[in-house]
Amino acid sequence: MCKGKEGRRLICVTQRSSCPDNFLTRIGLIAAQKPARIVLREKDLSPEEYEALAKKLLPLCEKYGVPLMCNGPVPGFAVPGCGVQLSFSNRDLPVSEEFGVSVHAPEEASALQESNAAYLIAGHVFPTDCKKGVPPRGLEFLEKVCQSARQPVYAIGGMTPERVLSVLQAGAAGYCVMSALMKAPDPVRLIQEFYCQEEIIHEL
């Protein structure tokens, strides 16, 4: 089994509706593999339900030193100890915790050159069921975003272990995985497959 020398190129994005077993147990298993971050997506929840779920996940993430990011602007700001994942349109909202920004064009990455954002998430790069019918933007798009950004860029959309190398070669600092990690019979094994692919970039 690969050790995952980097071990922090992967961001887990949650989607509990796809989880076939106990969601909290699964997130605990994922957090134990020490991904770069866990982003709590769950857009169907009310602010109160979302905040309650975030407070349940936060101790699991803190146990393994994994930052938990909440979707902003609401209810992300209401959960002490959590970072915030902002849309590009909300990029200038005041945030006291670490935050990232989602971008969909190289021009947006350029506009964030002076931002205090810790990282950017760019997508969607490959075809994904989450964006059915919407053409992927592709690796050329990702490369242009990486060239335009000051911050590290994480690719999102249709990520598989086989696609890790091409994403890193395009200049990305890492990648986001949602559906695959939520649905996998063995999420720990899947993460190790991703980490094995990360190691290849150091051998080239």
Foldseek 3Di string as FASTA:
>chain_A
DDLLPVLAQEEEEEDQVQAPDDPLVLLLLVLQSPYQAYEDEPPVDDLVVSLVVCVSNQVSNVVSVHAYEYEDDPPRQVHPRHHYEYELVCQPPDDPHAYEYEDEALVSQLVCQVPPHQEYEYWAACAAPVDPPDHTPHLVRLLSNLVNHPHAYAYEHPDALVCFVSNVVSPHSHYYDYNCSNNPPDNNVRSVSNSVSVVVVVVD
